[in-house]
Amino acid sequence: MTIDDLRRILTECAGADENVDLHGDIRDTPFADLGYDSLALMETASRIKQEFGIEISDEEIAVVETPRLLLDLVAKTA
């Protein structure tokens, strides 16, 4: 899964805050600063499972704070 895949999934699941540029380097920006709460991240985890067959538990998604950490988790779980 790439950062572009994650951007697309985040936008499809929860939309995008018009004050945040998702096209910039967001890898180390906290999800909260990007406008995504725990519910949006749980939906994102569900979509990752649907599209990529990678299951992320509620406990794991609750502690992932940045896109980089989520991508690392997906890569490790794959």
N, C-alpha and C. Protein backbone atom coordinates (compact mmCIF):
# COMPACT_ATOMS: atom_id res chain seq x y z
N MET A 1 0.84 -1.17 0.00
CA MET A 1 0.00 0.00 0.00
C MET A 1 0.89 1.24 0.00
N THR A 2 0.54 2.21 -0.80
CA THR A 2 1.35 3.43 -0.91
C THR A 2 0.68 4.59 -0.18
N ILE A 3 1.42 5.68 -0.07
CA ILE A 3 0.86 6.88 0.54
C ILE A 3 -0.31 7.40 -0.30
N ASP A 4 -0.24 7.23 -1.62
CA ASP A 4 -1.35 7.66 -2.47
C ASP A 4 -2.60 6.82 -2.23
N ASP A 5 -2.41 5.51 -2.00
CA ASP A 5 -3.54 4.65 -1.65
C ASP A 5 -4.17 5.14 -0.35
N LEU A 6 -3.33 5.45 0.62
CA LEU A 6 -3.83 5.91 1.92
C LEU A 6 -4.57 7.24 1.79
N ARG A 7 -4.03 8.17 1.02
CA ARG A 7 -4.72 9.45 0.79
C ARG A 7 -6.12 9.21 0.21
N ARG A 8 -6.19 8.36 -0.79
CA ARG A 8 -7.47 8.07 -1.45
C ARG A 8 -8.45 7.45 -0.46
N ILE A 9 -7.99 6.48 0.32
CA ILE A 9 -8.86 5.80 1.28
C ILE A 9 -9.34 6.78 2.35
N LEU A 10 -8.45 7.60 2.87
CA LEU A 10 -8.84 8.58 3.88
C LEU A 10 -9.91 9.52 3.34
N THR A 11 -9.71 9.99 2.13
CA THR A 11 -10.67 10.91 1.52
C THR A 11 -12.02 10.23 1.28
N GLU A 12 -11.98 8.99 0.79
CA GLU A 12 -13.22 8.26 0.54
C GLU A 12 -13.96 7.94 1.83
N CYS A 13 -13.24 7.65 2.88
CA CYS A 13 -13.86 7.25 4.15
C CYS A 13 -14.40 8.44 4.93
N ALA A 14 -13.67 9.52 4.95
CA ALA A 14 -14.05 10.61 5.85
C ALA A 14 -13.96 11.99 5.22
N GLY A 15 -13.72 12.05 3.94
CA GLY A 15 -13.60 13.35 3.30
C GLY A 15 -12.26 13.97 3.59
N ALA A 16 -12.15 15.24 3.25
CA ALA A 16 -10.89 15.95 3.48
C ALA A 16 -11.20 17.34 4.01
N ASP A 17 -10.47 17.74 5.02
CA ASP A 17 -10.58 19.08 5.57
C ASP A 17 -10.00 20.05 4.54
N GLU A 18 -10.78 21.02 4.13
CA GLU A 18 -10.30 21.92 3.09
C GLU A 18 -9.14 22.80 3.55
N ASN A 19 -8.86 22.84 4.85
CA ASN A 19 -7.72 23.59 5.37
C ASN A 19 -6.44 22.77 5.40
N VAL A 20 -6.52 21.49 4.99
CA VAL A 20 -5.36 20.60 5.05
C VAL A 20 -5.02 20.14 3.64
N ASP A 21 -3.74 20.23 3.29
CA ASP A 21 -3.28 19.79 1.98
C ASP A 21 -2.82 18.34 2.10
N LEU A 22 -3.67 17.41 1.69
CA LEU A 22 -3.30 15.99 1.74
C LEU A 22 -2.28 15.61 0.69
N HIS A 23 -2.05 16.49 -0.28
CA HIS A 23 -1.12 16.16 -1.36
C HIS A 23 0.32 16.49 -1.01
N GLY A 24 0.53 17.18 0.08
CA GLY A 24 1.89 17.48 0.52
C GLY A 24 2.48 16.26 1.22
N ASP A 25 3.60 16.46 1.88
CA ASP A 25 4.23 15.36 2.62
C ASP A 25 3.54 15.25 3.98
N ILE A 26 2.60 14.32 4.06
CA ILE A 26 1.79 14.16 5.28
C ILE A 26 2.24 12.97 6.13
N ARG A 27 3.29 12.29 5.72
CA ARG A 27 3.67 11.03 6.38
C ARG A 27 3.84 11.17 7.90
N ASP A 28 4.38 12.28 8.35
CA ASP A 28 4.65 12.44 9.78
C ASP A 28 3.70 13.42 10.47
N THR A 29 2.63 13.79 9.79
CA THR A 29 1.64 14.68 10.36
C THR A 29 0.60 13.86 11.14
N PRO A 30 0.37 14.17 12.38
CA PRO A 30 -0.62 13.41 13.16
C PRO A 30 -1.99 13.42 12.47
N PHE A 31 -2.67 12.28 12.54
CA PHE A 31 -4.00 12.19 11.93
C PHE A 31 -4.93 13.26 12.49
N ALA A 32 -4.81 13.57 13.77
CA ALA A 32 -5.66 14.61 14.36
C ALA A 32 -5.45 15.95 13.66
N ASP A 33 -4.21 16.28 13.32
CA ASP A 33 -3.91 17.53 12.62
C ASP A 33 -4.43 17.51 11.19
N LEU A 34 -4.60 16.30 10.63
CA LEU A 34 -5.15 16.16 9.28
C LEU A 34 -6.67 16.16 9.28
N GLY A 35 -7.25 16.14 10.49
CA GLY A 35 -8.71 16.19 10.60
C GLY A 35 -9.37 14.82 10.69
N TYR A 36 -8.61 13.78 11.00
CA TYR A 36 -9.16 12.43 11.08
C TYR A 36 -9.17 11.94 12.52
N ASP A 37 -10.36 11.55 12.99
CA ASP A 37 -10.51 11.05 14.36
C ASP A 37 -10.48 9.53 14.36
N SER A 38 -10.68 8.96 15.54
CA SER A 38 -10.59 7.49 15.69
C SER A 38 -11.64 6.77 14.85
N LEU A 39 -12.82 7.33 14.72
CA LEU A 39 -13.85 6.70 13.90
C LEU A 39 -13.44 6.65 12.43
N ALA A 40 -12.87 7.73 11.94
CA ALA A 40 -12.38 7.76 10.56
C ALA A 40 -11.27 6.74 10.35
N LEU A 41 -10.41 6.58 11.34
CA LEU A 41 -9.32 5.61 11.22
C LEU A 41 -9.83 4.18 11.28
N MET A 42 -10.87 3.94 12.06
CA MET A 42 -11.46 2.59 12.10
C MET A 42 -12.08 2.26 10.74
N GLU A 43 -12.73 3.22 10.12
CA GLU A 43 -13.28 3.03 8.79
C GLU A 43 -12.16 2.81 7.77
N THR A 44 -11.08 3.53 7.94
CA THR A 44 -9.91 3.36 7.07
C THR A 44 -9.35 1.95 7.20
N ALA A 45 -9.26 1.45 8.42
CA ALA A 45 -8.77 0.08 8.64
C ALA A 45 -9.69 -0.94 7.97
N SER A 46 -10.99 -0.69 8.04
CA SER A 46 -11.95 -1.58 7.39
C SER A 46 -11.76 -1.58 5.88
N ARG A 47 -11.54 -0.41 5.32
CA ARG A 47 -11.33 -0.30 3.87
C ARG A 47 -10.02 -0.95 3.45
N ILE A 48 -8.98 -0.83 4.27
CA ILE A 48 -7.71 -1.49 3.97
C ILE A 48 -7.91 -3.00 3.93
N LYS A 49 -8.70 -3.52 4.86
CA LYS A 49 -8.98 -4.95 4.86
C LYS A 49 -9.72 -5.36 3.59
N GLN A 50 -10.72 -4.56 3.19
CA GLN A 50 -11.48 -4.85 1.97
C GLN A 50 -10.60 -4.86 0.73
N GLU A 51 -9.79 -3.83 0.59
CA GLU A 51 -9.02 -3.65 -0.63
C GLU A 51 -7.73 -4.45 -0.68
N PHE A 52 -7.08 -4.61 0.46
CA PHE A 52 -5.75 -5.22 0.47
C PHE A 52 -5.69 -6.54 1.24
N GLY A 53 -6.78 -6.90 1.91
CA GLY A 53 -6.80 -8.14 2.66
C GLY A 53 -5.94 -8.11 3.92
N ILE A 54 -5.63 -6.92 4.40
CA ILE A 54 -4.77 -6.76 5.58
C ILE A 54 -5.64 -6.30 6.74
N GLU A 55 -5.67 -7.11 7.78
CA GLU A 55 -6.51 -6.79 8.93
C GLU A 55 -5.72 -6.04 9.99
N ILE A 56 -6.28 -4.92 10.40
CA ILE A 56 -5.69 -4.10 11.46
C ILE A 56 -6.70 -4.07 12.60
N SER A 57 -6.26 -4.49 13.77
CA SER A 57 -7.18 -4.54 14.91
C SER A 57 -7.53 -3.14 15.41
N ASP A 58 -8.63 -3.06 16.15
CA ASP A 58 -9.03 -1.79 16.76
C ASP A 58 -7.95 -1.26 17.70
N GLU A 59 -7.28 -2.17 18.39
CA GLU A 59 -6.22 -1.77 19.31
C GLU A 59 -5.04 -1.18 18.55
N GLU A 60 -4.70 -1.79 17.41
CA GLU A 60 -3.58 -1.28 16.62
C GLU A 60 -3.90 0.08 16.01
N ILE A 61 -5.10 0.22 15.44
CA ILE A 61 -5.45 1.48 14.79
C ILE A 61 -5.58 2.60 15.82
N ALA A 62 -5.89 2.26 17.06
CA ALA A 62 -6.04 3.28 18.11
C ALA A 62 -4.72 3.94 18.48
N VAL A 63 -3.61 3.25 18.27
CA VAL A 63 -2.31 3.82 18.67
C VAL A 63 -1.50 4.35 17.49
N VAL A 64 -1.98 4.15 16.28
CA VAL A 64 -1.29 4.66 15.10
C VAL A 64 -1.61 6.15 14.97
N GLU A 65 -0.58 6.98 15.05
CA GLU A 65 -0.81 8.42 15.11
C GLU A 65 -0.54 9.16 13.82
N THR A 66 0.22 8.56 12.90
CA THR A 66 0.59 9.25 11.66
C THR A 66 0.43 8.31 10.46
N PRO A 67 0.32 8.88 9.28
CA PRO A 67 0.28 8.03 8.08
C PRO A 67 1.50 7.11 7.95
N ARG A 68 2.68 7.59 8.32
CA ARG A 68 3.88 6.75 8.22
C ARG A 68 3.74 5.51 9.12
N LEU A 69 3.26 5.71 10.33
CA LEU A 69 3.10 4.57 11.24
C LEU A 69 2.05 3.59 10.72
N LEU A 70 0.99 4.11 10.11
CA LEU A 70 -0.03 3.23 9.54
C LEU A 70 0.53 2.46 8.36
N LEU A 71 1.26 3.12 7.48
CA LEU A 71 1.88 2.42 6.34
C LEU A 71 2.88 1.38 6.82
N ASP A 72 3.66 1.70 7.84
CA ASP A 72 4.59 0.72 8.40
C ASP A 72 3.87 -0.48 8.98
N LEU A 73 2.77 -0.24 9.65
CA LEU A 73 1.96 -1.33 10.22
C LEU A 73 1.40 -2.22 9.12
N VAL A 74 0.88 -1.60 8.07
CA VAL A 74 0.36 -2.37 6.94
C VAL A 74 1.46 -3.21 6.30
N ALA A 75 2.62 -2.62 6.10
CA ALA A 75 3.74 -3.35 5.49
C ALA A 75 4.17 -4.52 6.37
N LYS A 76 4.19 -4.30 7.67
CA LYS A 76 4.61 -5.35 8.60
C LYS A 76 3.58 -6.48 8.68
N THR A 77 2.32 -6.12 8.55
CA THR A 77 1.23 -7.09 8.65
C THR A 77 1.03 -7.88 7.36
N ALA A 78 1.42 -7.28 6.24
CA ALA A 78 1.19 -7.91 4.93
C ALA A 78 1.95 -9.20 4.75
